[in-house]
Amino acid sequence: MRGRVSVYCSAACRQKAYRSRHGAKAGVEVHELIADLERRVKKLSPRPPDTFYADVTELSSSVGLLRRMARDAAQFGEAGEIVTRVPVTESAAEERDLELVAAVRSDDEWTFAGLLEPYRRELQVHCYRMVGSYDDSEDLVQDTFLRAWRNRDGFEGRSSFRAWLYRIATNACLDFLRRNTRRPQLYEGGAEPPPRITWLQPYPDLLLADVPAGEDGPEAAAVTRETMELVFLTAIQHLPPRQRAVLIVRDVLGWPAQEAATLLEMSVASVNSALQRARPALRKHLPGDRSEWAAATEPTEEERALLKRYMEVAERADTAAMTEMLHEDVLLTMPPSPLWFAGREAFVSGIAQVFDTRSPRYFGRWRHLPTTANRLPAAAGYVQRPGTTVYRAQVLDVLRVVDGKIVEITSFEPHLFPAFGLPLTL
C-alpha cells in the first residue's frame, strides 16, 4: 500500500523485498525479462483499442528498461579492466547491501547494470533538483553509472553503496555546473518580473513510481511534493552549486551533518555554514503562499477537478469560464520563451486572441489529455491547425493551485511528451 513504512532486518533484506515487489523492473536476470517480454508480446491484441494501448504502454516501459540495461552493459564492458569477484562475509552484509556490493565486484556487465537499476530514478531526481533539467538529469545519471563502474575499486564499504552513488552523482552535477554556467535572469518588462530559468523542464510523475517511496531514507524523500514543485526547483536554482548540494542533502534527503560532510567531501563546520546561508537565500525566492509546504505527494481531488474544468474550458475556447478559474495575480511563464503574462486581465486578453477564430493570432482547435508533473496537475495540449486534420502536441501546462484558484501556469514545449507516456499526435 502506498505510503506504508516497512521495517527490515538489514539493507539487504529491504533490497530483496523491493525487488520482489517490482519483479522484472528491478530484476537482474535479463533472460527472464526477455522471456517475459516475449510472453506479453504474443498476448497482444489490437482489439479493443483502449486495452491494446494500455498493454503496449506497459510493454514499452519494460522495453525501455531492457534498452537501458543493454546500453549500460555495453558501456561498462568498454570502460576498463574487469575485476574478479571477491567473497563478502556475512557480518559485512549486515551493514551493506550484499547484492550491490557483489555487483561492484562483478565480472558481469549485465549484473552490474541490473543491480544499479533500482537506484536510477532516485538518483535522477537528485540530479534533476541540482540542475533543474530533465534531459540533463538523464545524462547525469548515465554519467554517474559509468563513473561508478570505472571507480568500483574505490568502494571500500565504509559507507553504504547508496551513499557512494549519491556522492558520485553529486560530483557529476557539480562538474556539470562548473562546465555550464547557469544564472537565473529576470523576464523583461513589468514592475516586478519573475525569475526566468530558461533550462527549467518538468518531471513526469509516472517515473516516480519506480522510486520505493514507502520506505525511509533518501529514496523516500526523493518524491515528496514540496521539493518537486516547480516553485522549489526555480528557487533552488538561485543558490550556488555547493550550497545547493548541501541544502538538498541535508534538508531534502535528511542526511545528518557528518554523513553529508563525508558525501560532499567537506568538513562538518563547512556543511553547517553553507546550510545556514542557503536556507534564507532559498526562502527569499519562494512565493509567499509557500511559507508552509503541503504534505501531499500527488494532486488533490480538488486540483484534479480544476484540471478537468481547465481542459474543457480551453477546448470550448470559453474565455469567460477561464477567467473564473484564475487568481487575480495569476502568472504564466513559458520556459525557455521570453514571453510571460502577469495578472488575470493580461492573461485572458492574450488567450482570447488565440481562441478567437476571427483573430490573426487564432491558433486552431484544442484537445487535452490529463497528466501530472512535479506532483502537480498538468494538461497536455494538442492543437489542430486551420486546414489540417491532425491534433499535434503543442504544450504541457503545469498548474499550481491555491485556495481553488490557478495562481501559476508554467507552459513547456512538447518534446518531453514521450517521457510522460503521451502520444505526439491525436
Protein backbone atom coordinates (compact mmCIF):
# COMPACT_ATOMS: atom_id res chain seq x y z
CA MET A 1 0.00 0.00 0.00
CA ARG A 2 1.39 3.42 -0.96
CA GLY A 3 2.72 5.39 1.99
CA ARG A 4 3.29 2.31 4.18
CA VAL A 5 6.55 2.28 6.13
CA SER A 6 8.21 -1.12 6.21
CA VAL A 7 10.82 -2.35 8.69
CA TYR A 8 13.55 -4.73 7.55
CA CYS A 9 16.34 -6.50 9.40
CA SER A 10 19.01 -5.09 7.08
CA ALA A 11 19.56 -3.12 3.91
CA ALA A 12 19.96 -6.40 2.03
CA CYS A 13 16.50 -7.54 3.22
CA ARG A 14 14.95 -4.26 2.17
CA GLN A 15 16.51 -4.50 -1.28
CA LYS A 16 15.31 -8.10 -1.65
CA ALA A 17 11.77 -7.07 -0.68
CA TYR A 18 11.85 -4.18 -3.13
CA ARG A 19 12.84 -6.49 -5.98
CA SER A 20 10.14 -8.97 -5.10
CA ARG A 21 7.54 -6.19 -5.30
CA HIS A 22 8.77 -4.76 -8.57
CA GLY A 23 9.56 -8.02 -10.32
CA ALA A 24 11.31 -7.73 -13.68
CA LYS A 25 11.55 -3.94 -13.40
CA ALA A 26 14.24 -4.21 -10.78
CA GLY A 27 15.46 -7.72 -11.55
CA VAL A 28 18.92 -8.63 -12.62
CA GLU A 29 18.06 -11.66 -14.77
CA VAL A 30 17.98 -10.26 -18.27
CA HIS A 31 16.93 -13.64 -19.68
CA GLU A 32 13.81 -13.63 -17.50
CA LEU A 33 12.99 -10.11 -18.67
CA ILE A 34 13.34 -11.13 -22.32
CA ALA A 35 11.17 -14.20 -21.77
CA ASP A 36 8.54 -12.08 -20.03
CA LEU A 37 8.51 -9.62 -22.94
CA GLU A 38 8.10 -12.48 -25.39
CA ARG A 39 5.09 -13.86 -23.49
CA ARG A 40 3.43 -10.43 -23.31
CA VAL A 41 4.02 -9.66 -26.99
CA LYS A 42 2.32 -12.92 -28.00
CA LYS A 43 -0.74 -11.95 -25.95
CA LEU A 44 -1.14 -8.54 -27.61
CA SER A 45 -4.39 -7.95 -29.47
CA PRO A 46 -5.40 -4.71 -31.22
CA ARG A 47 -9.00 -5.12 -30.04
CA PRO A 48 -10.35 -3.39 -28.05
CA PRO A 49 -8.16 -0.34 -28.80
CA ASP A 50 -8.13 1.02 -25.21
CA THR A 51 -6.86 -2.26 -23.79
CA PHE A 52 -4.35 -2.59 -26.63
CA TYR A 53 -2.99 0.91 -25.94
CA ALA A 54 -2.65 0.18 -22.20
CA ASP A 55 -0.86 -3.11 -22.88
CA VAL A 56 1.55 -1.53 -25.37
CA THR A 57 2.28 1.35 -23.00
CA GLU A 58 3.12 -1.08 -20.20
CA LEU A 59 5.23 -3.14 -22.56
CA SER A 60 7.18 -0.09 -23.71
CA SER A 61 8.27 0.51 -20.11
CA SER A 62 9.86 -2.95 -19.92
CA VAL A 63 11.45 -2.49 -23.35
CA GLY A 64 12.90 0.81 -22.13
CA LEU A 65 14.36 -0.97 -19.11
CA LEU A 66 15.93 -3.62 -21.33
CA ARG A 67 17.33 -0.95 -23.63
CA ARG A 68 18.91 0.93 -20.71
CA MET A 69 20.40 -2.24 -19.31
CA ALA A 70 21.80 -3.17 -22.73
CA ARG A 71 23.29 0.29 -23.16
CA ASP A 72 24.80 0.22 -19.67
CA ALA A 73 26.20 -3.26 -20.14
CA ALA A 74 27.78 -2.27 -23.45
CA GLN A 75 29.35 0.82 -21.92
CA PHE A 76 30.52 -0.99 -18.80
CA GLY A 77 32.17 -3.62 -20.96
CA GLU A 78 34.20 -0.91 -22.69
CA ALA A 79 35.03 1.03 -19.54
CA GLY A 80 38.13 -0.82 -18.44
CA GLU A 81 39.61 -3.96 -16.99
CA ILE A 82 37.18 -6.26 -15.18
CA VAL A 83 37.92 -7.20 -11.61
CA THR A 84 37.48 -10.63 -10.09
CA ARG A 85 34.60 -11.26 -7.73
CA VAL A 86 35.74 -11.45 -4.10
CA PRO A 87 33.87 -13.09 -1.22
CA VAL A 88 31.84 -10.95 1.18
CA THR A 89 31.46 -12.01 4.80
CA GLU A 90 28.08 -12.41 6.43
CA SER A 91 28.88 -9.73 9.03
CA ALA A 92 29.66 -7.17 6.35
CA ALA A 93 26.32 -7.93 4.67
CA GLU A 94 24.51 -6.61 7.77
CA GLU A 95 25.91 -3.13 7.14
CA ARG A 96 25.96 -3.12 3.37
CA ASP A 97 23.66 -4.31 0.68
CA LEU A 98 25.09 -7.72 -0.15
CA GLU A 99 23.82 -7.81 -3.71
CA LEU A 100 25.04 -4.34 -4.58
CA VAL A 101 28.48 -4.93 -3.06
CA ALA A 102 28.70 -8.05 -5.17
CA ALA A 103 27.73 -6.00 -8.22
CA VAL A 104 30.69 -3.68 -7.62
CA ARG A 105 32.98 -6.71 -7.79
CA SER A 106 31.09 -8.46 -10.54
CA ASP A 107 32.66 -9.52 -13.83
CA ASP A 108 29.23 -9.46 -15.47
CA GLU A 109 28.22 -6.16 -17.07
CA TRP A 110 24.55 -7.22 -17.18
CA THR A 111 24.57 -7.92 -13.45
CA PHE A 112 26.13 -4.56 -12.74
CA ALA A 113 23.60 -2.73 -14.93
CA GLY A 114 20.65 -4.62 -13.47
CA LEU A 115 21.59 -4.14 -9.83
CA LEU A 116 22.02 -0.40 -10.28
CA GLU A 117 18.60 -0.05 -11.92
CA PRO A 118 16.59 0.32 -8.65
CA TYR A 119 18.61 3.45 -7.90
CA ARG A 120 18.14 5.09 -11.29
CA ARG A 121 15.05 7.17 -10.57
CA GLU A 122 16.00 8.47 -7.13
CA LEU A 123 19.44 9.43 -8.46
CA GLN A 124 17.80 11.09 -11.47
CA VAL A 125 15.53 13.09 -9.17
CA HIS A 126 18.60 14.11 -7.14
CA CYS A 127 20.35 15.28 -10.32
CA TYR A 128 17.12 16.93 -11.51
CA ARG A 129 16.96 19.05 -8.36
CA MET A 130 20.59 20.01 -8.77
CA VAL A 131 20.32 21.14 -12.41
CA GLY A 132 16.57 21.75 -12.98
CA SER A 133 16.52 19.95 -16.35
CA TYR A 134 15.00 16.53 -17.08
CA ASP A 135 17.20 15.98 -20.15
CA ASP A 136 20.39 16.84 -18.29
CA SER A 137 19.39 14.70 -15.30
CA GLU A 138 19.09 11.65 -17.56
CA ASP A 139 22.59 12.26 -18.93
CA LEU A 140 23.98 12.82 -15.43
CA VAL A 141 22.58 9.52 -14.13
CA GLN A 142 24.23 7.73 -17.03
CA ASP A 143 27.47 9.55 -16.24
CA THR A 144 27.08 8.50 -12.59
CA PHE A 145 26.73 4.83 -13.50
CA LEU A 146 29.78 4.96 -15.77
CA ARG A 147 31.84 6.69 -13.08
CA ALA A 148 30.73 4.06 -10.57
CA TRP A 149 31.85 1.26 -12.89
CA ARG A 150 35.21 2.85 -13.64
CA ASN A 151 35.90 3.61 -9.98
CA ARG A 152 34.41 0.48 -8.44
CA ASP A 153 37.71 -0.39 -6.76
CA GLY A 154 37.30 2.80 -4.72
CA PHE A 155 34.27 1.45 -2.87
CA GLU A 156 35.59 0.15 0.46
CA GLY A 157 32.32 -0.31 2.28
CA ARG A 158 32.92 2.49 4.78
CA SER A 159 29.56 3.95 3.80
CA SER A 160 26.50 2.41 2.18
CA PHE A 161 26.51 1.76 -1.54
CA ARG A 162 23.66 4.25 -1.90
CA ALA A 163 25.74 6.99 -0.22
CA TRP A 164 28.62 6.15 -2.52
CA LEU A 165 26.36 6.54 -5.57
CA TYR A 166 24.97 9.82 -4.25
CA ARG A 167 28.48 11.16 -3.83
CA ILE A 168 29.34 10.23 -7.40
CA ALA A 169 26.06 11.73 -8.69
CA THR A 170 26.59 14.95 -6.73
CA ASN A 171 30.12 15.33 -8.04
CA ALA A 172 28.87 14.70 -11.57
CA CYS A 173 26.31 17.50 -11.10
CA LEU A 174 28.88 19.89 -9.64
CA ASP A 175 31.25 19.19 -12.53
CA PHE A 176 28.39 19.82 -14.96
CA LEU A 177 27.51 23.13 -13.30
CA ARG A 178 31.15 24.21 -13.41
CA ARG A 179 31.25 23.49 -17.14
CA ASN A 180 27.86 25.09 -17.82
CA THR A 181 27.44 28.40 -16.07
CA ARG A 182 23.74 28.96 -15.49
CA ARG A 183 22.50 32.06 -13.76
CA PRO A 184 18.79 32.82 -13.31
CA GLN A 185 17.71 36.04 -15.00
CA LEU A 186 14.53 38.12 -14.80
CA TYR A 187 11.90 38.36 -17.50
CA GLU A 188 11.90 41.70 -19.27
CA GLY A 189 9.16 44.26 -18.70
CA GLY A 190 6.75 44.79 -15.84
CA ALA A 191 7.27 46.28 -12.40
CA GLU A 192 8.18 43.00 -10.70
CA PRO A 193 9.23 40.46 -13.33
CA PRO A 194 9.51 36.83 -12.17
CA PRO A 195 12.73 34.81 -12.41
CA ARG A 196 13.47 33.33 -15.81
CA ILE A 197 15.03 29.85 -15.69
CA THR A 198 15.50 29.03 -19.38
CA TRP A 199 16.68 25.46 -18.69
CA LEU A 200 13.77 24.51 -16.43
CA GLN A 201 11.89 21.37 -17.51
CA PRO A 202 9.05 19.33 -15.96
CA TYR A 203 9.48 15.89 -14.38
CA PRO A 204 6.95 13.12 -15.22
CA ASP A 205 5.24 11.79 -12.11
CA LEU A 206 4.77 8.35 -13.65
CA LEU A 207 8.54 7.79 -13.42
CA LEU A 208 8.43 8.40 -9.66
CA ALA A 209 6.59 5.10 -9.32
CA ASP A 210 9.98 3.43 -9.77
CA VAL A 211 11.21 5.01 -6.53
CA PRO A 212 10.35 3.00 -3.35
CA ALA A 213 8.55 5.96 -1.80
CA GLY A 214 7.02 3.99 1.08
CA GLU A 215 10.36 3.39 2.79
CA ASP A 216 12.61 5.51 4.97
CA GLY A 217 15.76 7.23 3.82
CA PRO A 218 16.70 9.41 0.84
CA GLU A 219 14.76 7.26 -1.60
CA ALA A 220 11.56 8.23 0.25
CA ALA A 221 12.46 11.92 0.33
CA ALA A 222 13.12 11.79 -3.40
CA VAL A 223 9.44 12.09 -4.28
CA THR A 224 7.90 14.38 -1.67
CA ARG A 225 5.71 17.00 -3.26
CA GLU A 226 7.15 20.09 -1.60
CA THR A 227 10.62 19.55 -3.05
CA MET A 228 9.41 18.52 -6.52
CA GLU A 229 7.20 21.54 -7.23
CA LEU A 230 8.43 23.97 -9.86
CA VAL A 231 8.50 26.89 -7.43
CA PHE A 232 11.03 24.98 -5.31
CA LEU A 233 13.04 23.96 -8.39
CA THR A 234 13.09 27.58 -9.52
CA ALA A 235 14.11 28.90 -6.11
CA ILE A 236 16.91 26.41 -5.58
CA GLN A 237 18.48 27.29 -8.94
CA HIS A 238 19.43 30.65 -7.42
CA LEU A 239 21.79 29.00 -4.93
CA PRO A 240 25.47 28.49 -5.73
CA PRO A 241 26.09 24.85 -6.71
CA ARG A 242 27.85 23.85 -3.48
CA GLN A 243 25.18 25.46 -1.27
CA ARG A 244 22.52 23.81 -3.44
CA ALA A 245 24.10 20.41 -2.88
CA VAL A 246 24.32 20.95 0.89
CA LEU A 247 20.69 22.05 1.18
CA ILE A 248 19.44 19.09 -0.90
CA VAL A 249 21.46 16.54 1.05
CA ARG A 250 20.67 17.99 4.49
CA ASP A 251 17.13 19.40 4.21
CA VAL A 252 15.64 17.39 1.34
CA LEU A 253 17.24 13.99 1.81
CA GLY A 254 17.62 14.46 5.56
CA TRP A 255 21.18 13.21 5.95
CA PRO A 256 22.99 14.06 9.22
CA ALA A 257 25.74 16.69 9.08
CA GLN A 258 28.55 14.15 9.43
CA GLU A 259 27.22 11.95 6.61
CA ALA A 260 26.61 15.00 4.43
CA ALA A 261 30.18 16.16 5.07
CA THR A 262 31.52 12.77 4.03
CA LEU A 263 29.34 12.65 0.94
CA LEU A 264 30.29 16.18 -0.16
CA GLU A 265 33.94 15.85 0.93
CA MET A 266 33.62 18.87 3.21
CA SER A 267 34.12 19.48 6.92
CA VAL A 268 31.09 19.40 9.22
CA ALA A 269 31.66 23.08 10.01
CA SER A 270 31.66 23.94 6.29
CA VAL A 271 28.44 21.97 5.73
CA ASN A 272 26.68 23.75 8.61
CA SER A 273 27.92 27.14 7.43
CA ALA A 274 26.75 26.52 3.85
CA LEU A 275 23.35 25.36 5.10
CA GLN A 276 22.91 28.48 7.26
CA ARG A 277 23.49 30.63 4.18
CA ALA A 278 21.37 28.50 1.84
CA ARG A 279 18.17 28.39 3.90
CA PRO A 280 17.40 32.15 3.99
CA ALA A 281 18.53 32.52 0.37
CA LEU A 282 16.06 29.83 -0.66
CA ARG A 283 13.17 31.38 1.31
CA LYS A 284 13.86 34.71 -0.39
CA HIS A 285 12.97 33.19 -3.76
CA LEU A 286 9.91 31.18 -2.69
CA PRO A 287 6.39 32.62 -3.19
CA GLY A 288 4.62 33.96 -0.12
CA ASP A 289 1.98 31.23 -0.14
CA ARG A 290 4.73 28.64 0.29
CA SER A 291 5.75 29.55 3.84
CA GLU A 292 4.37 26.11 4.75
CA TRP A 293 4.58 23.15 2.41
CA ALA A 294 1.77 20.72 1.67
CA ALA A 295 2.41 17.15 2.77
CA ALA A 296 0.56 15.61 -0.15
CA THR A 297 2.55 13.59 -2.69
CA GLU A 298 0.15 13.94 -5.60
CA PRO A 299 -2.60 16.29 -6.82
CA THR A 300 -5.68 16.51 -4.61
CA GLU A 301 -9.19 15.72 -5.79
CA GLU A 302 -9.90 19.46 -5.89
CA GLU A 303 -6.89 20.03 -8.12
CA ARG A 304 -7.86 17.18 -10.43
CA ALA A 305 -11.38 18.58 -10.76
CA LEU A 306 -9.96 22.02 -11.57
CA LEU A 307 -7.65 20.47 -14.17
CA LYS A 308 -10.64 18.78 -15.83
CA ARG A 309 -12.50 22.09 -15.98
CA TYR A 310 -9.40 23.84 -17.32
CA MET A 311 -9.15 21.38 -20.22
CA GLU A 312 -12.86 21.56 -21.01
CA VAL A 313 -12.84 25.36 -20.97
CA ALA A 314 -9.79 25.51 -23.25
CA GLU A 315 -11.37 23.09 -25.72
CA ARG A 316 -14.56 25.21 -25.78
CA ALA A 317 -12.44 28.39 -26.13
CA ASP A 318 -14.53 29.83 -23.30
CA THR A 319 -12.61 32.87 -22.03
CA ALA A 320 -15.33 33.85 -19.55
CA ALA A 321 -15.18 30.46 -17.83
CA MET A 322 -11.38 30.56 -17.91
CA THR A 323 -11.44 33.93 -16.14
CA GLU A 324 -13.40 32.46 -13.24
CA MET A 325 -10.76 29.78 -12.65
CA LEU A 326 -7.82 32.17 -12.39
CA HIS A 327 -6.46 34.04 -9.39
CA GLU A 328 -6.31 37.77 -9.98
CA ASP A 329 -2.50 37.63 -9.71
CA VAL A 330 -2.08 34.55 -11.92
CA LEU A 331 1.35 34.20 -13.51
CA LEU A 332 2.08 32.48 -16.84
CA THR A 333 5.64 31.66 -17.91
CA MET A 334 6.83 29.58 -20.86
CA PRO A 335 10.45 28.48 -20.41
CA PRO A 336 12.63 28.92 -22.39
CA SER A 337 10.45 31.51 -24.22
CA PRO A 338 10.84 35.14 -23.06
CA LEU A 339 7.04 35.64 -23.14
CA TRP A 340 5.15 35.91 -19.86
CA PHE A 341 1.87 37.26 -18.51
CA ALA A 342 1.18 38.57 -15.02
CA GLY A 343 -2.36 39.14 -13.79
CA ARG A 344 -5.72 37.71 -14.81
CA GLU A 345 -6.59 40.56 -17.18
CA ALA A 346 -3.34 40.29 -19.15
CA PHE A 347 -3.57 36.50 -19.34
CA VAL A 348 -7.19 36.43 -20.55
CA SER A 349 -6.53 39.20 -23.05
CA GLY A 350 -3.69 37.18 -24.58
CA ILE A 351 -5.51 33.85 -24.60
CA ALA A 352 -8.69 35.36 -26.07
CA GLN A 353 -6.84 36.18 -29.30
CA VAL A 354 -5.56 32.62 -29.56
CA PHE A 355 -9.11 31.27 -29.09
CA ASP A 356 -10.90 33.75 -31.40
CA THR A 357 -11.35 32.34 -34.93
CA ARG A 358 -11.56 35.92 -36.28
CA SER A 359 -8.22 36.96 -34.79
CA PRO A 360 -5.00 36.90 -36.87
CA ARG A 361 -3.45 35.15 -33.84
CA TYR A 362 -6.00 32.33 -33.89
CA PHE A 363 -4.08 29.12 -33.40
CA GLY A 364 -6.60 26.35 -34.00
CA ARG A 365 -8.83 23.87 -32.16
CA TRP A 366 -7.57 22.33 -28.94
CA ARG A 367 -7.78 18.96 -27.24
CA HIS A 368 -6.13 17.93 -23.97
CA LEU A 369 -5.04 14.88 -22.04
CA PRO A 370 -4.62 14.96 -18.25
CA THR A 371 -1.31 14.10 -16.61
CA THR A 372 0.79 15.09 -13.62
CA ALA A 373 4.21 16.72 -13.45
CA ASN A 374 6.26 17.59 -10.39
CA ARG A 375 3.38 16.32 -8.24
CA LEU A 376 1.08 18.94 -9.78
CA PRO A 377 -1.87 18.65 -12.18
CA ALA A 378 -0.87 19.17 -15.81
CA ALA A 379 -2.65 19.38 -19.15
CA ALA A 380 -1.07 18.07 -22.34
CA GLY A 381 -2.34 20.35 -25.10
CA TYR A 382 -2.77 19.30 -28.73
CA VAL A 383 -3.76 21.73 -31.47
CA GLN A 384 -5.41 21.18 -34.83
CA ARG A 385 -4.15 23.99 -37.00
CA PRO A 386 -6.53 25.51 -39.55
CA GLY A 387 -6.62 23.43 -42.71
CA THR A 388 -5.26 20.28 -41.05
CA THR A 389 -6.94 17.17 -39.67
CA VAL A 390 -4.46 16.00 -37.01
CA TYR A 391 -4.06 17.27 -33.47
CA ARG A 392 -0.33 17.69 -32.79
CA ALA A 393 1.43 18.03 -29.43
CA GLN A 394 1.83 21.72 -28.64
CA VAL A 395 2.30 22.46 -24.94
CA LEU A 396 2.36 20.99 -21.44
CA ASP A 397 0.65 23.30 -18.93
CA VAL A 398 1.60 22.63 -15.29
CA LEU A 399 -0.88 24.24 -12.87
CA ARG A 400 -0.27 25.48 -9.35
CA VAL A 401 -3.49 25.88 -7.39
CA VAL A 402 -4.08 27.83 -4.17
CA ASP A 403 -7.50 28.05 -2.48
CA GLY A 404 -9.28 26.65 -5.51
CA LYS A 405 -7.80 29.14 -7.99
CA ILE A 406 -5.00 28.75 -10.52
CA VAL A 407 -2.18 31.02 -9.33
CA GLU A 408 0.51 29.89 -11.75
CA ILE A 409 0.76 28.17 -15.13
CA THR A 410 4.13 27.02 -16.42
CA SER A 411 3.94 26.05 -20.07
CA PHE A 412 6.60 23.77 -21.54
CA GLU A 413 7.48 22.67 -25.05
CA PRO A 414 6.13 19.23 -26.05
CA HIS A 415 9.38 17.34 -26.70
CA LEU A 416 9.10 15.53 -23.34
CA PHE A 417 5.63 14.10 -24.10
CA PRO A 418 7.07 10.58 -24.67
CA ALA A 419 8.63 10.65 -21.18
CA PHE A 420 5.11 11.27 -19.83
CA GLY A 421 3.74 8.33 -21.82
CA LEU A 422 1.87 10.78 -24.06
CA PRO A 423 1.47 10.47 -27.84
CA LEU A 424 2.73 13.24 -30.14
CA THR A 425 -0.46 13.25 -32.21
CA LEU A 426 -4.16 12.57 -31.60
